């Protein structure tokens, strides 16, 4: 899927917001919307991203391409419980949760090993962000349903083993702040 005009504007505002932030390395999912978001960051901030296949969104199997209402109608469950459904491998034809976890853990290991004590930008997807946070914070994946992760948002994690600290979650530079 392409970024919508709204998504393109959100990516531009995200890039402008991050302009003063020093970034040592950047990684991006191979999927189109993440690539387009990263393109705005690269154009504004000079990022030279590494495409990392393991950062692609979870494969939702039979749910792929459906609206929330279509999921509810066809599968008789609330799509807003997708993390619980995914963690129970209850979404037909979806990527098994253990395979998803392993894939995201590989990406995290590659990034943290290559860039100790550095600032790294990662542009990926809501499911991947939630899985990364679940792994880093050592909490069950369904717990991440309590945290909002908007498009073109910023979350910051300080990873200094054995300590991991969630410093910022879901900062949306494109949203008017109260």
N, C-alpha and C. Protein backbone atom coordinates (compact mmCIF):
# COMPACT_ATOMS: atom_id res chain seq x y z
N UNK A 1 0.83 -1.19 0.00
CA UNK A 1 0.00 0.00 0.00
C UNK A 1 0.87 1.25 0.00
N UNK A 2 0.42 2.24 -0.69
CA UNK A 2 1.08 3.54 -0.73
C UNK A 2 0.67 4.35 0.50
N UNK A 3 1.52 5.31 0.88
CA UNK A 3 1.10 6.27 1.88
C UNK A 3 0.02 7.14 1.28
N UNK A 4 -0.98 7.44 2.04
CA UNK A 4 -2.03 8.37 1.61
C UNK A 4 -1.43 9.78 1.61
N UNK A 5 -2.12 10.76 1.04
CA UNK A 5 -1.63 12.14 1.15
C UNK A 5 -1.44 12.57 2.61
N UNK A 6 -2.35 12.15 3.50
CA UNK A 6 -2.19 12.44 4.92
C UNK A 6 -0.92 11.78 5.46
N UNK A 7 -0.69 10.53 5.08
CA UNK A 7 0.51 9.82 5.52
C UNK A 7 1.78 10.48 5.01
N UNK A 8 1.76 10.99 3.79
CA UNK A 8 2.92 11.70 3.26
C UNK A 8 3.20 12.96 4.06
N UNK A 9 2.15 13.68 4.43
CA UNK A 9 2.32 14.89 5.25
C UNK A 9 2.84 14.53 6.64
N UNK A 10 2.31 13.45 7.22
CA UNK A 10 2.79 13.02 8.53
C UNK A 10 4.28 12.65 8.45
N UNK A 11 4.70 11.99 7.38
CA UNK A 11 6.11 11.63 7.21
C UNK A 11 6.98 12.87 7.08
N UNK A 12 6.51 13.88 6.36
CA UNK A 12 7.27 15.14 6.24
C UNK A 12 7.42 15.82 7.59
N UNK A 13 6.34 15.85 8.37
CA UNK A 13 6.41 16.48 9.69
C UNK A 13 7.29 15.68 10.64
N UNK A 14 7.25 14.37 10.54
CA UNK A 14 8.13 13.52 11.33
C UNK A 14 9.59 13.82 11.00
N UNK A 15 9.90 13.90 9.72
CA UNK A 15 11.28 14.19 9.28
C UNK A 15 11.74 15.54 9.80
N UNK A 16 10.89 16.54 9.71
CA UNK A 16 11.25 17.88 10.19
C UNK A 16 11.48 17.86 11.70
N UNK A 17 10.65 17.13 12.42
CA UNK A 17 10.79 17.03 13.87
C UNK A 17 12.12 16.38 14.25
N UNK A 18 12.54 15.38 13.49
CA UNK A 18 13.77 14.64 13.81
C UNK A 18 15.04 15.31 13.28
N UNK A 19 14.89 16.39 12.52
CA UNK A 19 16.06 17.04 11.91
C UNK A 19 17.18 17.31 12.93
N UNK A 20 16.91 17.82 14.13
CA UNK A 20 18.02 18.11 15.05
C UNK A 20 18.60 16.88 15.77
N UNK A 21 17.99 15.72 15.58
CA UNK A 21 18.42 14.51 16.28
C UNK A 21 19.53 13.80 15.51
N UNK A 22 20.66 13.59 16.17
CA UNK A 22 21.75 12.84 15.55
C UNK A 22 21.38 11.35 15.51
N UNK A 23 21.54 10.76 14.36
CA UNK A 23 21.26 9.34 14.18
C UNK A 23 22.50 8.69 13.56
N UNK A 24 22.99 7.63 14.21
CA UNK A 24 24.19 6.93 13.74
C UNK A 24 23.88 5.94 12.63
N UNK A 25 22.68 5.38 12.64
CA UNK A 25 22.30 4.39 11.63
C UNK A 25 20.79 4.38 11.49
N UNK A 26 20.33 3.91 10.34
CA UNK A 26 18.89 3.83 10.08
C UNK A 26 18.58 2.50 9.41
N UNK A 27 17.46 1.92 9.83
CA UNK A 27 16.97 0.66 9.26
C UNK A 27 15.52 0.84 8.87
N UNK A 28 15.10 0.11 7.86
CA UNK A 28 13.73 0.25 7.37
C UNK A 28 13.21 -1.10 6.89
N UNK A 29 11.93 -1.29 7.05
CA UNK A 29 11.22 -2.45 6.51
C UNK A 29 11.23 -2.37 4.98
N UNK A 30 11.13 -3.51 4.32
CA UNK A 30 11.07 -3.48 2.86
C UNK A 30 9.69 -3.10 2.31
N UNK A 31 8.68 -2.98 3.17
CA UNK A 31 7.33 -2.70 2.69
C UNK A 31 7.18 -1.23 2.29
N UNK A 32 6.36 -1.00 1.31
CA UNK A 32 6.27 0.29 0.63
C UNK A 32 6.02 1.49 1.54
N UNK A 33 5.06 1.40 2.45
CA UNK A 33 4.75 2.57 3.28
C UNK A 33 5.92 2.94 4.18
N UNK A 34 6.60 1.95 4.71
CA UNK A 34 7.79 2.22 5.54
C UNK A 34 8.88 2.85 4.67
N UNK A 35 9.04 2.34 3.45
CA UNK A 35 10.04 2.90 2.53
C UNK A 35 9.73 4.36 2.22
N UNK A 36 8.46 4.67 2.02
CA UNK A 36 8.07 6.05 1.71
C UNK A 36 8.29 6.96 2.92
N UNK A 37 8.01 6.46 4.10
CA UNK A 37 8.27 7.25 5.31
C UNK A 37 9.76 7.49 5.45
N UNK A 38 10.56 6.45 5.24
CA UNK A 38 12.02 6.60 5.33
C UNK A 38 12.54 7.54 4.26
N UNK A 39 11.92 7.55 3.09
CA UNK A 39 12.36 8.46 2.02
C UNK A 39 12.25 9.91 2.48
N UNK A 40 11.19 10.24 3.21
CA UNK A 40 11.05 11.60 3.74
C UNK A 40 12.15 11.89 4.75
N UNK A 41 12.48 10.92 5.60
CA UNK A 41 13.55 11.10 6.57
C UNK A 41 14.91 11.23 5.88
N UNK A 42 15.14 10.42 4.87
CA UNK A 42 16.41 10.47 4.14
C UNK A 42 16.57 11.80 3.42
N UNK A 43 15.50 12.27 2.80
CA UNK A 43 15.57 13.53 2.05
C UNK A 43 15.83 14.71 2.98
N UNK A 44 15.24 14.70 4.15
CA UNK A 44 15.38 15.82 5.08
C UNK A 44 16.63 15.71 5.94
N UNK A 45 16.97 14.48 6.36
CA UNK A 45 18.01 14.29 7.37
C UNK A 45 19.24 13.55 6.87
N UNK A 46 19.23 13.13 5.61
CA UNK A 46 20.40 12.45 5.05
C UNK A 46 20.60 11.03 5.50
N UNK A 47 19.57 10.39 6.03
CA UNK A 47 19.70 8.99 6.45
C UNK A 47 20.07 8.12 5.25
N UNK A 48 20.92 7.16 5.48
CA UNK A 48 21.25 6.14 4.49
C UNK A 48 20.78 4.81 5.06
N UNK A 49 19.51 4.47 4.86
CA UNK A 49 18.95 3.32 5.56
C UNK A 49 19.39 1.98 5.00
N UNK A 50 19.40 1.01 5.89
CA UNK A 50 19.61 -0.39 5.54
C UNK A 50 18.23 -1.03 5.53
N UNK A 51 17.89 -1.69 4.43
CA UNK A 51 16.61 -2.40 4.34
C UNK A 51 16.79 -3.75 5.04
N UNK A 52 15.94 -4.01 6.00
CA UNK A 52 16.03 -5.23 6.78
C UNK A 52 14.71 -5.98 6.67
N UNK A 53 14.73 -7.10 5.96
CA UNK A 53 13.52 -7.86 5.68
C UNK A 53 12.80 -8.29 6.96
N UNK A 54 13.54 -8.56 8.02
CA UNK A 54 12.93 -9.01 9.26
C UNK A 54 12.08 -7.94 9.94
N UNK A 55 12.12 -6.69 9.44
CA UNK A 55 11.30 -5.62 9.99
C UNK A 55 9.93 -5.50 9.31
N UNK A 56 9.63 -6.40 8.36
CA UNK A 56 8.32 -6.32 7.69
C UNK A 56 7.21 -6.64 8.69
N UNK A 57 6.02 -6.14 8.39
CA UNK A 57 4.88 -6.35 9.28
C UNK A 57 4.53 -7.83 9.35
N UNK A 58 3.88 -8.22 10.43
CA UNK A 58 3.42 -9.59 10.58
C UNK A 58 2.46 -9.90 9.43
N UNK A 59 2.50 -11.13 8.96
CA UNK A 59 1.58 -11.58 7.92
C UNK A 59 0.27 -11.97 8.59
N UNK A 60 -0.79 -11.22 8.30
CA UNK A 60 -2.09 -11.45 8.92
C UNK A 60 -2.91 -12.52 8.22
N UNK A 61 -2.33 -13.24 7.29
CA UNK A 61 -3.02 -14.36 6.66
C UNK A 61 -4.36 -13.98 6.09
N UNK A 62 -5.40 -14.69 6.52
CA UNK A 62 -6.75 -14.48 5.99
C UNK A 62 -7.31 -13.10 6.31
N UNK A 63 -6.73 -12.38 7.26
CA UNK A 63 -7.17 -11.03 7.59
C UNK A 63 -6.57 -9.97 6.69
N UNK A 64 -5.55 -10.31 5.94
CA UNK A 64 -4.83 -9.33 5.13
C UNK A 64 -5.76 -8.62 4.16
N UNK A 65 -5.70 -7.31 4.17
CA UNK A 65 -6.48 -6.49 3.24
C UNK A 65 -7.92 -6.24 3.65
N UNK A 66 -8.35 -6.82 4.77
CA UNK A 66 -9.73 -6.65 5.20
C UNK A 66 -9.86 -5.44 6.13
N UNK A 67 -11.02 -4.82 6.09
CA UNK A 67 -11.31 -3.75 7.05
C UNK A 67 -11.61 -4.40 8.39
N UNK A 68 -11.62 -3.59 9.47
CA UNK A 68 -11.96 -4.12 10.78
C UNK A 68 -13.35 -4.75 10.76
N UNK A 69 -14.30 -4.09 10.08
CA UNK A 69 -15.67 -4.62 10.03
C UNK A 69 -15.72 -5.95 9.27
N UNK A 70 -14.95 -6.07 8.20
CA UNK A 70 -14.91 -7.33 7.45
C UNK A 70 -14.34 -8.45 8.31
N UNK A 71 -13.32 -8.16 9.11
CA UNK A 71 -12.77 -9.18 10.02
C UNK A 71 -13.84 -9.62 11.00
N UNK A 72 -14.55 -8.66 11.57
CA UNK A 72 -15.60 -8.97 12.55
C UNK A 72 -16.68 -9.85 11.90
N UNK A 73 -17.10 -9.49 10.70
CA UNK A 73 -18.18 -10.22 10.02
C UNK A 73 -17.74 -11.62 9.59
N UNK A 74 -16.58 -11.72 8.96
CA UNK A 74 -16.14 -13.02 8.43
C UNK A 74 -15.63 -13.98 9.48
N UNK A 75 -15.01 -13.44 10.55
CA UNK A 75 -14.34 -14.32 11.51
C UNK A 75 -14.97 -14.29 12.90
N UNK A 76 -15.99 -13.45 13.08
CA UNK A 76 -16.73 -13.43 14.33
C UNK A 76 -15.91 -13.04 15.55
N UNK A 77 -14.92 -12.22 15.36
CA UNK A 77 -14.13 -11.77 16.51
C UNK A 77 -13.80 -10.29 16.34
N UNK A 78 -13.47 -9.68 17.43
CA UNK A 78 -13.10 -8.27 17.38
C UNK A 78 -11.68 -8.13 16.85
N UNK A 79 -11.52 -7.40 15.76
CA UNK A 79 -10.17 -7.22 15.22
C UNK A 79 -9.31 -6.39 16.16
N UNK A 80 -9.93 -5.69 17.11
CA UNK A 80 -9.17 -4.90 18.07
C UNK A 80 -8.45 -5.79 19.08
N UNK A 81 -8.78 -7.07 19.06
CA UNK A 81 -8.09 -8.06 19.89
C UNK A 81 -7.04 -8.81 19.08
N UNK A 82 -6.51 -8.13 18.04
CA UNK A 82 -5.60 -8.81 17.13
C UNK A 82 -4.33 -9.31 17.81
N UNK A 83 -3.83 -8.62 18.81
CA UNK A 83 -2.62 -9.09 19.48
C UNK A 83 -2.90 -10.39 20.25
N UNK A 84 -4.06 -10.45 20.88
CA UNK A 84 -4.46 -11.68 21.59
C UNK A 84 -4.67 -12.81 20.58
N UNK A 85 -5.38 -12.52 19.49
CA UNK A 85 -5.62 -13.53 18.45
C UNK A 85 -4.29 -14.02 17.86
N UNK A 86 -3.39 -13.08 17.59
CA UNK A 86 -2.09 -13.43 17.02
C UNK A 86 -1.29 -14.28 18.00
N UNK A 87 -1.28 -13.89 19.27
CA UNK A 87 -0.49 -14.62 20.27
C UNK A 87 -1.01 -16.04 20.49
N UNK A 88 -2.28 -16.28 20.16
CA UNK A 88 -2.86 -17.61 20.29
C UNK A 88 -2.86 -18.37 18.97
N UNK A 89 -2.20 -17.78 17.95
CA UNK A 89 -2.19 -18.37 16.61
C UNK A 89 -3.61 -18.66 16.13
N UNK A 90 -4.52 -17.73 16.40
CA UNK A 90 -5.94 -17.91 16.09
C UNK A 90 -6.37 -17.21 14.81
N UNK A 91 -5.46 -16.55 14.11
CA UNK A 91 -5.80 -15.88 12.86
C UNK A 91 -5.46 -16.86 11.73
N UNK A 92 -6.46 -17.31 10.97
CA UNK A 92 -6.22 -18.30 9.92
C UNK A 92 -5.13 -17.85 8.94
N UNK A 93 -4.21 -18.76 8.67
CA UNK A 93 -3.14 -18.59 7.68
C UNK A 93 -2.14 -17.51 8.05
N UNK A 94 -2.22 -16.94 9.25
CA UNK A 94 -1.30 -15.89 9.66
C UNK A 94 0.06 -16.47 10.02
N UNK A 95 1.05 -15.61 9.99
CA UNK A 95 2.39 -15.98 10.43
C UNK A 95 2.30 -16.44 11.89
N UNK A 96 2.83 -17.60 12.23
CA UNK A 96 2.79 -18.03 13.63
C UNK A 96 3.53 -17.04 14.52
N UNK A 97 2.99 -16.81 15.72
CA UNK A 97 3.55 -15.80 16.61
C UNK A 97 5.01 -16.09 16.95
N UNK A 98 5.38 -17.35 17.10
CA UNK A 98 6.77 -17.66 17.41
C UNK A 98 7.70 -17.31 16.25
N UNK A 99 7.24 -17.54 15.03
CA UNK A 99 8.04 -17.16 13.85
C UNK A 99 8.19 -15.65 13.78
N UNK A 100 7.11 -14.93 14.06
CA UNK A 100 7.15 -13.47 14.08
C UNK A 100 8.11 -12.99 15.16
N UNK A 101 7.98 -13.55 16.37
CA UNK A 101 8.87 -13.16 17.47
C UNK A 101 10.33 -13.43 17.11
N UNK A 102 10.61 -14.59 16.56
CA UNK A 102 11.99 -14.94 16.19
C UNK A 102 12.54 -13.98 15.14
N UNK A 103 11.71 -13.64 14.18
CA UNK A 103 12.13 -12.74 13.10
C UNK A 103 12.45 -11.35 13.64
N UNK A 104 11.58 -10.84 14.49
CA UNK A 104 11.80 -9.51 15.07
C UNK A 104 13.01 -9.54 16.01
N UNK A 105 13.17 -10.62 16.76
CA UNK A 105 14.34 -10.74 17.64
C UNK A 105 15.63 -10.76 16.83
N UNK A 106 15.64 -11.41 15.67
CA UNK A 106 16.82 -11.40 14.80
C UNK A 106 17.17 -9.98 14.37
N UNK A 107 16.13 -9.22 13.99
CA UNK A 107 16.35 -7.84 13.58
C UNK A 107 16.92 -7.03 14.73
N UNK A 108 16.33 -7.18 15.91
CA UNK A 108 16.79 -6.45 17.08
C UNK A 108 18.23 -6.81 17.41
N UNK A 109 18.56 -8.07 17.36
CA UNK A 109 19.92 -8.53 17.64
C UNK A 109 20.92 -7.95 16.63
N UNK A 110 20.55 -7.98 15.38
CA UNK A 110 21.43 -7.44 14.35
C UNK A 110 21.69 -5.95 14.58
N UNK A 111 20.64 -5.21 14.88
CA UNK A 111 20.76 -3.76 15.06
C UNK A 111 21.55 -3.44 16.32
N UNK A 112 21.21 -4.06 17.43
CA UNK A 112 21.88 -3.73 18.69
C UNK A 112 23.34 -4.19 18.71
N UNK A 113 23.64 -5.28 18.04
CA UNK A 113 25.03 -5.76 17.97
C UNK A 113 25.87 -4.84 17.10
N UNK A 114 25.31 -4.37 16.00
CA UNK A 114 26.05 -3.51 15.07
C UNK A 114 26.23 -2.09 15.60
N UNK A 115 25.37 -1.67 16.53
CA UNK A 115 25.38 -0.26 16.96
C UNK A 115 25.29 -0.08 18.47
N UNK A 116 26.22 -0.68 19.23
CA UNK A 116 26.16 -0.49 20.68
C UNK A 116 26.38 0.98 21.04
N UNK A 117 25.60 1.45 21.99
CA UNK A 117 25.73 2.83 22.47
C UNK A 117 25.56 3.88 21.39
N UNK A 118 24.79 3.56 20.37
CA UNK A 118 24.53 4.50 19.29
C UNK A 118 23.03 4.76 19.18
N UNK A 119 22.69 5.84 18.49
CA UNK A 119 21.30 6.17 18.23
C UNK A 119 20.93 5.62 16.86
N UNK A 120 19.90 4.80 16.84
CA UNK A 120 19.48 4.14 15.61
C UNK A 120 18.01 4.45 15.36
N UNK A 121 17.70 4.85 14.14
CA UNK A 121 16.31 5.04 13.72
C UNK A 121 15.84 3.77 13.03
N UNK A 122 14.65 3.32 13.39
CA UNK A 122 14.06 2.14 12.77
C UNK A 122 12.66 2.54 12.30
N UNK A 123 12.42 2.40 11.00
CA UNK A 123 11.10 2.68 10.45
C UNK A 123 10.48 1.35 10.07
N UNK A 124 9.38 1.04 10.78
CA UNK A 124 8.72 -0.25 10.53
C UNK A 124 7.23 -0.10 10.78
N UNK A 125 6.59 -1.11 11.33
CA UNK A 125 5.14 -1.19 11.40
C UNK A 125 4.67 -1.39 12.84
N UNK A 126 3.39 -1.08 13.08
CA UNK A 126 2.83 -1.16 14.42
C UNK A 126 3.00 -2.51 15.08
N UNK A 127 2.78 -3.58 14.35
CA UNK A 127 2.95 -4.92 14.92
C UNK A 127 4.38 -5.19 15.29
N UNK A 128 5.30 -4.76 14.45
CA UNK A 128 6.73 -4.95 14.71
C UNK A 128 7.15 -4.12 15.92
N UNK A 129 6.68 -2.89 15.99
CA UNK A 129 7.01 -2.04 17.15
C UNK A 129 6.50 -2.69 18.42
N UNK A 130 5.29 -3.18 18.39
CA UNK A 130 4.73 -3.84 19.58
C UNK A 130 5.53 -5.08 19.96
N UNK A 131 5.93 -5.87 18.97
CA UNK A 131 6.73 -7.07 19.27
C UNK A 131 8.10 -6.67 19.81
N UNK A 132 8.74 -5.67 19.22
CA UNK A 132 10.03 -5.19 19.73
C UNK A 132 9.90 -4.75 21.18
N UNK A 133 8.87 -3.96 21.48
CA UNK A 133 8.68 -3.50 22.85
C UNK A 133 8.38 -4.66 23.80
N UNK A 134 7.56 -5.60 23.37
CA UNK A 134 7.27 -6.76 24.21
C UNK A 134 8.55 -7.52 24.54
N UNK A 135 9.40 -7.71 23.55
CA UNK A 135 10.65 -8.44 23.77
C UNK A 135 11.61 -7.64 24.64
N UNK A 136 11.79 -6.36 24.33
CA UNK A 136 12.73 -5.54 25.09
C UNK A 136 12.30 -5.34 26.54
N UNK A 137 10.98 -5.20 26.75
CA UNK A 137 10.47 -4.96 28.10
C UNK A 137 10.10 -6.26 28.82
N UNK A 138 10.21 -7.37 28.09
CA UNK A 138 9.92 -8.70 28.65
C UNK A 138 8.49 -8.80 29.19
N UNK A 139 7.54 -8.40 28.34
CA UNK A 139 6.13 -8.51 28.69
C UNK A 139 5.42 -9.31 27.60
N UNK A 140 4.29 -9.93 27.92
CA UNK A 140 3.56 -10.70 26.90
C UNK A 140 3.06 -9.78 25.78
N UNK A 141 3.10 -10.26 24.55
CA UNK A 141 2.68 -9.47 23.40
C UNK A 141 1.29 -8.88 23.56
N UNK A 142 0.27 -9.61 24.05
CA UNK A 142 -1.06 -8.99 24.18
C UNK A 142 -1.08 -7.76 25.08
N UNK A 143 -0.14 -7.65 26.02
CA UNK A 143 -0.05 -6.47 26.88
C UNK A 143 0.14 -5.21 26.05
N UNK A 144 0.77 -5.33 24.91
CA UNK A 144 1.07 -4.17 24.07
C UNK A 144 -0.19 -3.56 23.48
N UNK A 145 -1.33 -4.24 23.60
CA UNK A 145 -2.60 -3.65 23.14
C UNK A 145 -2.98 -2.43 23.97
N UNK A 146 -2.39 -2.30 25.15
CA UNK A 146 -2.67 -1.16 26.02
C UNK A 146 -1.92 0.11 25.59
N UNK A 147 -1.02 -0.04 24.64
CA UNK A 147 -0.21 1.08 24.18
C UNK A 147 -0.59 1.46 22.76
N UNK A 148 -0.84 2.73 22.55
CA UNK A 148 -1.15 3.22 21.21
C UNK A 148 0.15 3.38 20.42
N UNK A 149 0.11 2.96 19.17
CA UNK A 149 1.23 3.15 18.26
C UNK A 149 0.64 3.69 16.96
N UNK A 150 0.74 5.01 16.79
CA UNK A 150 0.18 5.66 15.60
C UNK A 150 1.14 5.58 14.43
N UNK A 151 0.60 5.82 13.24
CA UNK A 151 1.44 5.96 12.06
C UNK A 151 2.37 7.16 12.27
N UNK A 152 3.58 7.07 11.75
CA UNK A 152 4.55 8.16 11.80
C UNK A 152 4.76 8.69 13.21
N UNK A 153 4.78 7.77 14.17
CA UNK A 153 5.03 8.16 15.56
C UNK A 153 6.46 7.78 15.94
N UNK A 154 6.90 8.36 17.04
CA UNK A 154 8.25 8.11 17.54
C UNK A 154 8.14 7.42 18.89
N UNK A 155 8.85 6.34 19.03
CA UNK A 155 9.03 5.70 20.33
C UNK A 155 10.54 5.59 20.53
N UNK A 156 10.98 5.82 21.76
CA UNK A 156 12.41 5.80 22.06
C UNK A 156 12.65 4.79 23.18
N UNK A 157 13.60 3.89 22.91
CA UNK A 157 14.00 2.89 23.89
C UNK A 157 15.49 3.04 24.11
N UNK A 158 15.90 3.16 25.38
CA UNK A 158 17.31 3.13 25.72
C UNK A 158 17.63 1.69 26.08
N UNK A 159 18.50 1.10 25.28
CA UNK A 159 18.85 -0.31 25.43
C UNK A 159 20.30 -0.39 25.88
N UNK A 160 20.49 -0.63 27.15
CA UNK A 160 21.83 -0.75 27.74
C UNK A 160 21.81 -1.98 28.63
N UNK A 161 21.97 -3.17 28.04
CA UNK A 161 21.83 -4.40 28.82
C UNK A 161 22.65 -4.35 30.10
N UNK A 162 22.07 -4.81 31.18
CA UNK A 162 20.82 -5.56 31.26
C UNK A 162 19.58 -4.66 31.40
N UNK A 163 19.75 -3.34 31.35
CA UNK A 163 18.64 -2.42 31.55
C UNK A 163 18.07 -1.96 30.21
N UNK A 164 16.75 -1.96 30.13
CA UNK A 164 16.04 -1.41 28.98
C UNK A 164 15.00 -0.45 29.53
N UNK A 165 14.96 0.75 28.96
CA UNK A 165 14.03 1.76 29.44
C UNK A 165 13.24 2.35 28.28
N UNK A 166 11.93 2.33 28.41
CA UNK A 166 11.05 2.98 27.45
C UNK A 166 11.01 4.46 27.81
N UNK A 167 11.63 5.30 27.00
CA UNK A 167 11.78 6.72 27.29
C UNK A 167 10.63 7.53 26.72
N UNK A 168 10.15 7.12 25.55
CA UNK A 168 9.10 7.85 24.87
C UNK A 168 8.27 6.86 24.07
N UNK A 169 6.97 7.04 24.11
CA UNK A 169 6.08 6.15 23.36
C UNK A 169 5.08 6.97 22.57
N UNK A 170 5.02 6.73 21.29
CA UNK A 170 3.97 7.25 20.42
C UNK A 170 3.94 8.78 20.34
N UNK A 171 5.10 9.39 20.24
CA UNK A 171 5.15 10.85 20.02
C UNK A 171 4.75 11.09 18.57
N UNK A 172 3.77 11.93 18.38
CA UNK A 172 3.24 12.21 17.04
C UNK A 172 3.46 13.68 16.70
N UNK A 173 4.58 14.01 16.06
CA UNK A 173 4.88 15.41 15.76
C UNK A 173 3.85 16.07 14.84
N UNK A 174 3.09 15.29 14.11
CA UNK A 174 2.08 15.80 13.19
C UNK A 174 0.77 16.12 13.88
N UNK A 175 0.62 15.65 15.11
CA UNK A 175 -0.63 15.89 15.85
C UNK A 175 -0.48 17.13 16.72
N UNK A 176 -1.47 17.96 16.69
CA UNK A 176 -1.45 19.16 17.53
C UNK A 176 -1.42 18.72 18.99
N UNK A 177 -0.43 19.21 19.73
CA UNK A 177 -0.27 18.84 21.13
C UNK A 177 -1.11 19.77 22.01
N UNK A 178 -1.68 19.21 23.11
CA UNK A 178 -2.49 20.04 24.01
C UNK A 178 -1.64 21.05 24.75
